[in-house]
Each structure stands twice: as structure tokens, then as C-alpha cells.
Protein backbone atom coordinates (compact mmCIF):
# COMPACT_ATOMS: atom_id res chain seq x y z
CA MET A 1 7.48 107.06 57.96
CA SER A 2 5.32 104.63 59.92
CA SER A 3 3.36 104.93 63.15
CA TYR A 4 1.34 102.71 65.46
CA ARG A 5 -2.31 103.29 66.18
CA MET A 6 -4.87 101.45 68.23
CA ALA A 7 -7.34 99.32 66.35
CA ALA A 8 -10.95 100.43 66.27
CA ARG A 9 -13.10 99.36 69.20
CA PRO A 10 -14.32 95.80 68.71
CA ALA A 11 -17.96 95.52 67.70
CA SER A 12 -18.69 93.43 70.79
CA ARG A 13 -17.75 96.41 73.01
CA GLN A 14 -19.67 99.03 71.06
CA ARG A 15 -22.47 100.76 72.97
CA LEU A 16 -25.95 99.74 71.84
CA PRO A 17 -28.56 102.35 72.82
CA LEU A 18 -31.51 99.96 72.64
CA VAL A 19 -29.72 97.38 74.80
CA ASP A 20 -28.82 100.12 77.28
CA ALA A 21 -32.49 101.15 77.37
CA PHE A 22 -33.60 97.58 78.06
CA LYS A 23 -31.02 97.21 80.83
CA ALA A 24 -31.91 100.60 82.32
CA VAL A 25 -35.63 99.86 82.55
CA ALA A 26 -35.11 96.29 83.75
CA SER A 27 -32.67 97.31 86.49
CA GLN A 28 -35.03 100.00 87.77
CA LEU A 29 -37.89 97.50 87.88
CA ILE A 30 -35.72 95.12 89.90
CA VAL A 31 -34.87 97.93 92.35
CA LEU A 32 -38.56 98.78 92.74
CA HIS A 33 -39.39 95.09 93.15
CA HIS A 34 -36.91 94.78 96.01
CA LEU A 35 -38.19 97.99 97.61
CA ALA A 36 -41.77 96.69 97.45
CA PHE A 37 -40.92 93.15 98.61
CA TYR A 38 -38.35 93.72 101.36
CA GLY A 39 -38.23 96.03 104.36
CA PRO A 40 -40.88 97.77 106.48
CA LEU A 41 -41.14 100.96 104.40
CA SER A 42 -43.17 99.20 101.73
CA ASP A 43 -45.96 98.60 104.26
CA GLY A 44 -46.65 102.32 104.45
CA ALA A 45 -46.42 102.77 100.69
CA TYR A 46 -48.85 99.87 100.24
CA LEU A 47 -51.52 101.76 102.19
CA LEU A 48 -51.26 104.67 99.73
CA ALA A 49 -50.99 102.69 96.49
CA PRO A 50 -51.85 99.04 97.14
CA ASP A 51 -52.23 97.96 93.51
CA LEU A 52 -48.99 99.58 92.39
CA VAL A 53 -46.93 98.24 95.30
CA ALA A 54 -48.45 94.77 94.83
CA TRP A 55 -47.50 94.81 91.14
CA PHE A 56 -43.92 95.83 91.93
CA SER A 57 -43.76 93.19 94.65
CA GLN A 58 -45.01 90.29 92.53
CA ASP A 59 -44.69 91.07 88.81
CA ALA A 60 -41.80 93.50 88.37
CA ARG A 61 -39.32 90.68 88.96
CA MET A 62 -40.12 89.43 85.45
CA ALA A 63 -37.67 92.09 84.30
CA VAL A 64 -35.04 89.39 84.89
CA GLN A 65 -36.22 87.90 81.58
CA VAL A 66 -35.03 91.04 79.83
CA PHE A 67 -31.56 90.54 81.30
CA LEU A 68 -31.56 86.89 80.21
CA VAL A 69 -32.48 87.60 76.60
CA VAL A 70 -30.10 90.55 76.33
CA ALA A 71 -27.31 88.45 77.87
CA GLY A 72 -27.84 85.68 75.32
CA PHE A 73 -27.96 88.19 72.48
CA LEU A 74 -24.71 89.86 73.55
CA ALA A 75 -22.97 86.55 74.27
CA ALA A 76 -23.72 85.30 70.75
CA ARG A 77 -22.50 88.62 69.36
CA SER A 78 -19.19 88.48 71.22
CA LEU A 79 -18.42 84.74 71.25
CA ALA A 80 -19.62 83.74 67.80
CA PRO A 81 -20.85 86.58 65.56
CA GLU A 82 -21.31 84.10 62.70
CA ALA A 83 -22.29 81.17 64.97
CA VAL A 84 -18.72 79.82 65.00
CA LEU A 85 -16.73 80.25 68.20
CA VAL A 86 -14.00 82.81 67.57
CA THR A 87 -11.90 82.51 70.71
CA PRO A 88 -8.95 80.11 70.39
CA ASN A 89 -8.98 79.38 74.13
CA PRO A 90 -12.46 78.84 75.63
CA LEU A 91 -11.13 78.32 79.17
CA ALA A 92 -9.29 81.65 79.05
CA GLN A 93 -12.47 83.27 77.75
CA LEU A 94 -14.45 81.76 80.63
CA TRP A 95 -11.89 83.00 83.16
CA GLN A 96 -12.05 86.51 81.70
CA ARG A 97 -15.81 86.37 82.04
CA TYR A 98 -15.53 85.31 85.67
CA VAL A 99 -13.11 88.13 86.46
CA ARG A 100 -15.26 90.77 84.79
CA VAL A 101 -18.46 89.62 86.48
CA ALA A 102 -17.26 88.25 89.82
CA LEU A 103 -14.80 90.88 91.02
CA PRO A 104 -17.38 93.71 91.21
CA TYR A 105 -19.84 91.18 92.58
CA ILE A 106 -17.46 90.13 95.38
CA ALA A 107 -16.81 93.77 96.23
CA ALA A 108 -20.57 94.32 96.37
CA LEU A 109 -20.93 91.33 98.69
CA LEU A 110 -18.51 92.95 101.13
CA VAL A 111 -20.54 96.15 100.96
CA ALA A 112 -23.71 94.11 101.53
CA ILE A 113 -22.25 92.45 104.64
CA ALA A 114 -21.30 95.86 106.07
CA CYS A 115 -24.71 97.34 105.22
CA THR A 116 -26.51 94.40 106.80
CA ASP A 117 -24.52 94.86 110.00
CA LEU A 118 -25.32 98.58 110.05
CA ALA A 119 -29.01 98.03 109.33
CA GLY A 120 -29.16 95.41 112.09
CA ARG A 121 -28.11 98.05 114.61
CA TRP A 122 -31.18 100.14 113.76
CA MET A 123 -33.92 97.59 113.18
CA GLN A 124 -34.93 93.96 113.55
CA HIS A 125 -36.70 92.61 110.48
CA ASP A 126 -37.01 89.29 108.69
CA SER A 127 -35.57 90.83 105.50
CA LEU A 128 -32.15 91.14 107.18
CA PRO A 129 -29.81 88.27 106.21
CA ASP A 130 -28.09 86.39 109.01
CA PRO A 131 -24.37 87.13 109.64
CA PRO A 132 -22.41 85.14 107.03
CA THR A 133 -20.22 82.15 107.73
CA LEU A 134 -16.88 81.71 105.99
CA TRP A 135 -18.14 78.79 103.88
CA GLN A 136 -21.26 80.75 102.94
CA PHE A 137 -19.09 83.61 101.67
CA VAL A 138 -16.77 81.22 99.80
CA SER A 139 -19.76 79.58 98.11
CA HIS A 140 -20.88 83.01 96.90
CA VAL A 141 -17.38 83.81 95.59
CA LEU A 142 -17.45 80.53 93.65
CA LEU A 143 -20.97 81.34 92.39
CA LEU A 144 -22.24 78.10 93.89
CA GLN A 145 -24.47 79.41 96.68
CA SER A 146 -27.75 78.33 95.09
CA VAL A 147 -26.43 74.93 94.00
CA LEU A 148 -25.14 74.30 97.53
CA ASP A 149 -28.43 75.57 99.03
CA MET A 150 -26.75 78.39 100.95
CA ASP A 151 -28.72 81.36 102.24
CA SER A 152 -28.14 84.38 100.05
CA LEU A 153 -26.06 87.27 101.36
CA SER A 154 -28.04 89.73 99.24
CA ALA A 155 -31.23 89.63 97.21
CA GLY A 156 -30.80 89.07 93.49
CA VAL A 157 -27.22 87.80 93.54
CA TRP A 158 -28.48 84.38 92.44
CA TYR A 159 -28.73 85.90 88.97
CA VAL A 160 -24.98 86.51 88.79
CA ALA A 161 -24.35 82.79 89.31
CA ILE A 162 -26.98 81.83 86.73
CA ASP A 163 -25.61 84.30 84.20
CA PHE A 164 -22.16 82.75 84.55
CA GLN A 165 -23.61 79.24 84.18
CA LEU A 166 -25.45 80.29 81.03
CA PHE A 167 -22.34 81.87 79.51
CA ALA A 168 -20.32 78.73 80.28
CA LEU A 169 -23.02 76.49 78.80
CA LEU A 170 -23.22 78.51 75.58
CA LEU A 171 -19.44 78.51 75.35
CA LEU A 172 -19.45 74.71 75.74
CA LEU A 173 -22.02 74.25 72.98
CA LEU A 174 -20.09 76.51 70.61
CA TRP A 175 -16.83 74.72 71.40
CA ALA A 176 -18.47 71.33 70.73
CA ALA A 177 -19.77 72.56 67.36
CA ARG A 178 -16.35 73.92 66.40
CA ARG A 179 -14.77 70.58 67.26
CA TRP A 180 -16.80 68.88 64.52
CA PRO A 181 -14.11 66.93 62.60
CA ASP A 182 -13.20 68.19 59.16
CA GLY A 183 -16.48 69.98 58.72
CA PRO A 184 -16.86 73.17 56.67
CA SER A 185 -17.66 76.37 58.50
CA THR A 186 -21.23 76.30 57.17
CA GLN A 187 -21.79 72.90 58.75
CA ARG A 188 -20.31 74.07 62.05
CA ARG A 189 -22.55 77.13 62.05
CA ARG A 190 -25.60 74.96 61.50
CA LEU A 191 -24.51 72.58 64.23
CA ALA A 192 -23.95 75.43 66.70
CA ARG A 193 -27.40 76.88 66.02
CA ALA A 194 -28.95 73.42 66.24
CA LEU A 195 -27.34 72.71 69.61
CA VAL A 196 -28.51 76.03 71.06
CA TRP A 197 -31.96 75.56 69.53
CA GLY A 198 -32.25 72.01 70.86
CA LEU A 199 -31.25 72.91 74.42
CA GLY A 200 -33.45 76.01 74.28
CA LEU A 201 -36.47 73.92 73.32
CA ALA A 202 -35.66 71.38 76.04
CA SER A 203 -35.68 74.27 78.50
CA LEU A 204 -38.95 75.74 77.20
CA PHE A 205 -40.82 72.44 77.08
CA TYR A 206 -39.38 70.71 80.14
CA PHE A 207 -36.80 72.32 82.45
CA ASN A 208 -38.47 75.75 82.68
CA ARG A 209 -41.73 74.09 83.72
CA ASP A 210 -40.15 72.50 86.81
CA ALA A 211 -39.04 74.90 89.55
CA ASP A 212 -36.73 72.23 90.97
CA TRP A 213 -34.31 73.16 88.15
CA ASP A 214 -34.21 76.88 88.92
CA ASN A 215 -30.71 76.68 90.43
CA TRP A 216 -29.31 75.53 87.10
CA ALA A 217 -28.74 77.22 83.76
CA VAL A 218 -30.99 74.79 81.87
CA TYR A 219 -34.04 76.29 83.59
CA PHE A 220 -33.29 79.70 82.08
CA PHE A 221 -31.68 78.64 78.80
CA GLY A 222 -34.95 79.04 76.91
CA ALA A 223 -34.87 82.82 77.33
CA TYR A 224 -31.07 82.99 76.96
CA GLY A 225 -31.19 80.88 73.81
CA LEU A 226 -33.92 83.09 72.35
CA GLY A 227 -31.52 86.02 72.62
CA ALA A 228 -28.65 84.12 70.98
CA LEU A 229 -30.78 82.73 68.15
CA ALA A 230 -32.38 86.13 67.56
CA TYR A 231 -28.90 87.54 66.93
CA TRP A 232 -27.80 84.73 64.59
CA PHE A 233 -31.04 84.49 62.61
CA SER A 234 -31.24 88.23 62.06
CA GLN A 235 -27.72 88.06 60.57
CA LEU A 236 -28.60 85.49 57.89
CA PRO A 237 -27.96 86.94 54.40
CA SER A 238 -30.89 85.15 52.78
CA GLY A 239 -34.21 86.81 53.45
CA ARG A 240 -36.09 83.56 52.93
CA ALA A 241 -33.90 81.60 55.35
CA ARG A 242 -34.09 84.43 57.86
CA ARG A 243 -37.90 84.59 57.74
CA TRP A 244 -38.27 80.80 57.90
CA ARG A 245 -36.02 80.42 60.92
CA MET A 246 -37.47 83.35 62.82
CA GLY A 247 -40.96 82.08 62.05
CA ALA A 248 -40.05 78.62 63.34
CA LEU A 249 -38.55 80.16 66.47
CA VAL A 250 -41.76 82.07 67.15
CA LEU A 251 -44.06 79.12 66.41
CA LEU A 252 -42.12 76.69 68.60
CA THR A 253 -42.02 79.17 71.47
CA LEU A 254 -45.76 79.76 71.12
CA LEU A 255 -46.28 76.01 71.15
CA ALA A 256 -44.35 75.84 74.44
CA LEU A 257 -46.70 78.52 75.78
CA VAL A 258 -49.70 76.47 74.65
CA VAL A 259 -48.35 73.49 76.59
CA GLU A 260 -47.99 75.74 79.64
CA PHE A 261 -48.43 79.47 79.48
CA ARG A 262 -45.74 81.47 81.26
CA THR A 263 -45.79 85.25 81.12
CA ARG A 264 -42.02 85.33 81.59
CA ILE A 265 -41.48 83.32 78.40
CA ALA A 266 -43.90 85.50 76.43
CA LEU A 267 -41.92 88.53 77.61
CA ALA A 268 -38.63 86.87 76.64
CA LEU A 269 -39.93 86.14 73.14
CA THR A 270 -41.09 89.75 72.75
CA VAL A 271 -37.70 91.14 73.78
CA ALA A 272 -35.89 88.72 71.44
CA LEU A 273 -38.05 89.76 68.48
CA VAL A 274 -37.51 93.46 69.20
CA LEU A 275 -33.74 92.93 69.34
CA ALA A 276 -33.73 90.91 66.10
CA TRP A 277 -35.88 93.46 64.29
CA SER A 278 -33.83 96.41 65.51
CA LEU A 279 -30.59 94.72 64.46
CA ARG A 280 -31.95 93.96 61.02
CA LYS A 281 -33.23 97.50 60.51
CA GLY A 282 -30.11 99.16 61.95
CA TRP A 283 -31.66 101.15 64.78
CA LEU A 284 -30.14 98.87 67.43
CA TYR A 285 -27.08 101.16 67.15
CA SER A 286 -28.89 104.49 67.03
CA TRP A 287 -32.15 104.46 69.03
CA PRO A 288 -33.24 105.65 71.52
CA ARG A 289 -31.03 108.72 71.78
CA SER A 290 -31.44 109.27 75.49
CA PRO A 291 -28.39 110.10 77.62
CA VAL A 292 -30.38 109.22 80.75
CA LEU A 293 -31.24 105.72 79.53
CA ALA A 294 -27.72 105.26 78.20
CA TYR A 295 -26.22 106.14 81.57
CA LEU A 296 -28.69 104.06 83.57
CA GLY A 297 -27.97 101.14 81.26
CA LYS A 298 -24.24 101.59 81.75
CA ILE A 299 -24.51 101.51 85.55
CA SER A 300 -27.27 98.88 85.63
CA TYR A 301 -25.02 96.07 86.89
CA SER A 302 -23.74 98.15 89.79
CA VAL A 303 -27.27 99.27 90.64
CA PHE A 304 -28.39 95.65 90.49
CA LEU A 305 -25.61 94.55 92.84
CA LEU A 306 -26.02 97.29 95.45
CA ASN A 307 -29.72 98.11 95.54
CA PHE A 308 -30.72 95.58 98.21
CA PRO A 309 -28.11 96.42 100.89
CA VAL A 310 -28.52 100.16 100.32
CA ALA A 311 -32.30 99.80 100.57
CA LEU A 312 -31.88 97.89 103.84
CA VAL A 313 -29.88 100.75 105.36
CA VAL A 314 -32.46 103.33 104.31
CA ASN A 315 -35.27 101.14 105.67
CA ALA A 316 -33.41 100.76 108.94
CA TRP A 317 -32.70 104.48 109.27
CA PHE A 318 -36.35 105.40 108.73
CA THR A 319 -37.41 102.68 111.16
CA ARG A 320 -35.10 104.09 113.83
CA HIS A 321 -35.50 107.81 113.22
CA GLY A 322 -38.71 108.20 111.20
CA SER A 323 -42.37 107.84 112.10
CA ASP A 324 -45.17 105.43 111.26
CA ASP A 325 -46.94 108.01 109.11
CA VAL A 326 -47.72 106.50 105.69
CA TRP A 327 -46.48 109.61 103.90
CA VAL A 328 -43.16 109.47 105.72
CA GLN A 329 -42.86 105.76 104.96
CA SER A 330 -43.67 106.36 101.29
CA ALA A 331 -41.12 109.17 101.16
CA GLY A 332 -38.63 106.71 102.59
CA VAL A 333 -39.23 104.39 99.63
CA LEU A 334 -38.44 107.24 97.23
CA VAL A 335 -35.31 108.12 99.22
CA ALA A 336 -34.25 104.46 99.07
CA TRP A 337 -34.81 104.34 95.29
CA LEU A 338 -32.70 107.47 94.82
CA ALA A 339 -29.99 106.17 97.18
CA CYS A 340 -29.80 102.87 95.27
CA ASN A 341 -29.12 104.69 92.01
CA LEU A 342 -26.60 107.11 93.52
CA ALA A 343 -24.75 104.27 95.25
CA GLY A 344 -24.82 102.24 92.04
CA ALA A 345 -23.37 105.14 90.06
CA ALA A 346 -20.58 105.67 92.60
CA PHE A 347 -19.82 101.94 92.67
CA TYR A 348 -19.69 101.83 88.87
CA HIS A 349 -17.11 104.62 88.61
CA LEU A 350 -15.04 103.73 91.66
CA VAL A 351 -15.14 99.92 91.60
CA GLU A 352 -16.81 98.19 88.66
CA GLN A 353 -14.97 100.04 85.90
CA LYS A 354 -11.58 99.44 87.48
CA LEU A 355 -12.13 95.79 88.36
CA SER A 356 -13.84 94.77 85.13
CA ARG A 357 -10.86 95.99 83.10
CA LEU A 358 -8.85 93.13 84.60
CA GLY A 359 -10.98 90.68 82.67
CA ARG A 360 -10.62 92.34 79.30
CA PRO A 361 -7.86 91.36 76.89
CA ARG A 362 -5.70 94.21 75.71
CA ALA A 363 -6.84 95.81 72.48
CA PRO A 364 -4.65 94.72 69.59
CA GLN A 365 -2.38 97.15 67.84
CA THR A 366 -2.24 97.41 64.06
CA LEU A 367 0.60 98.75 61.96
CA SER A 368 -0.42 101.51 59.58
CA ALA A 369 1.71 103.24 57.00
């Protein structure tokens, strides 16, 4: 007698507690950054804790580097676990990526437009985006708003476009390496790593030092490439080769910091080394055992998408119905932080999960005796 059973979950879709923890902390820092930077409530909180609010306003945004490194690490793990592109159809893979990322993002844009309209009924503030035009919305749907110099419909959504650019660029490099004529797989692996390493160094030494490039993936590819290379180098079977390559990666990144020190790049290197070390030692899959961090990591994308419009509504409500007392204003910031997480959780279960499934290929079935 024979029966069908579903194959085991692919490794690329396995939950990684440490990655979830990184995403959880980074997403919360981005929420707090937006709360400190936008809206009138932060003015009252600043009077109570000026140093803390100033740090959230200026420095907490560096948490984006954590997302960049983690994204590169996971992209390398899913696209080319052994540094050779595994998908037979890169364009189909890119489309699946767009569907998974863009559909929840477009839904969040619609929520943001509605929230902005509601907030505008209760307050007038320079943090409120202008009513969108049709072309402005289309440019966001196409993930081209920054390239076309369009005003953003919501804070932070520029990252979604950059993440898609980075994924497409890595996919292109891996495809080019796989197209190497008549080369053995070892040679193609080396070529893939060399291409990613070369573009990553170009980013660290040139593009990332010029803010005019910050609408393009090459500006951020240094951090993204660190994540991808950290995954590949930690997988090398030879301890000597692994140590040599990781050492070279660290030294060249430090050299880029000597040329021009950037805290964001130092943070990216630190995150990449932690991920590589945890993967090599095995605790990437088992630590930390925190259901709270695991859940916050799981909903981090939804929280990231919705935190700004939800925070605007809370700011507007307190402006209309609250008082100017600093304690009331500070309480409003805490209410906004809680509302961002609750709205993100609801959006994850009701929208993101359902829409992102459309971009996932069906799990294969295997025949077992």
C-alpha cells in the first residue's frame, strides 16, 4: 500500500529564533524612532526625557541596518544555499518576491491614506502627508517612488522598494555566475561570491559614502552583501578557508571604516558576524527561546508597514481631545506604541498572511511507500 505525504518544510522557510529576535528589536526601534521624530506628542515626551527621545529620533533609525543584513543573509540562504542559484526561473522567483512583499505593502498604503485623512480631520501638522495623486500611488505600487522623486505616502516605505531592488540585484549576480559557460559548480560558487564581494566593496568604499545614491540598491549593498557573505562563508567545510574568508571580510570592512567611519556599517558588520557565528555553532535555530520575541519578529513586517499611519491617528486624537500636559502627551506616546503593535498584529493575521501566500510556490509532494 502506498500513500502521499507532504514534504518537510523547506529550510528557507524554517523559523530562526535569533533572526526573529533581531527583527523584533529592530522593528520596535523603528516604531520608537517614528514616534520620536513625527507628530506633536513627542514634544511633550521630550520635556520629560530629552536625551532618550533625542536618541530615538536620531539614532534608532540605524536599526534599518539590521534589516539589511538579515535580508541579505536570508536571501542567500533561500536563493543559493551553496552560492549557486537554485531556481530554474529567476524572473518567476522575482515575481513571487514582488507578490509576497508588495501585496501587503499596497494594502498598508491604502490603510495609510485612510489614516492620514482621518488624522487630518483632527489636527494640522507638518508630519501629515499631502493627499496622494494617482501617479504618486502608482509609483508606490511599482516601488519606484524614491527613484521618481515622489513624496512618500508613509514613513519608512522607501525601505520596501530598496529591499526589492537588493533582492533583484543579488538574483542578477547569482544568475550571471550560473551562466558561466561550461564551468564546474565550484567555479560558479567562487564567481558568485566574488561578484557579491566585489559589489559589496564598491558599495562600502564608494556608493555608501555618497548620499546621492541612497535611492538605489548599490548604496545599501554593502550591508546586504555582508549578510549574504556571512551565510556562505560560515557554510564552508574547510575551517582554514572559512577563517581566512571571514577574516578578509572583517579586515576589508574595517578598512572601509578607516577611509570613512560610519556607525551604520560598524553595526552591519557586527550583526553579520553574530549571524555567521550562530549559524556555525548551531544556536541560530535554537536561541533565544522567547515566545514574545518570536511573535514580534513574525509580525515585524506588518508593524513596520502600519506604525506610521497608526501613530498619526493617535497623535491627532490626543491633539484634538487631550491636553498640553507633558504627562498626558507622554502617555499618548505609549498609547501610540501599543496601538502600532496591536494594529500590526491584526494586519499580520488578517492581511499579510493571506496575501503573502499568493507569492509562495506550492510545497512539493513526495511519494512514500
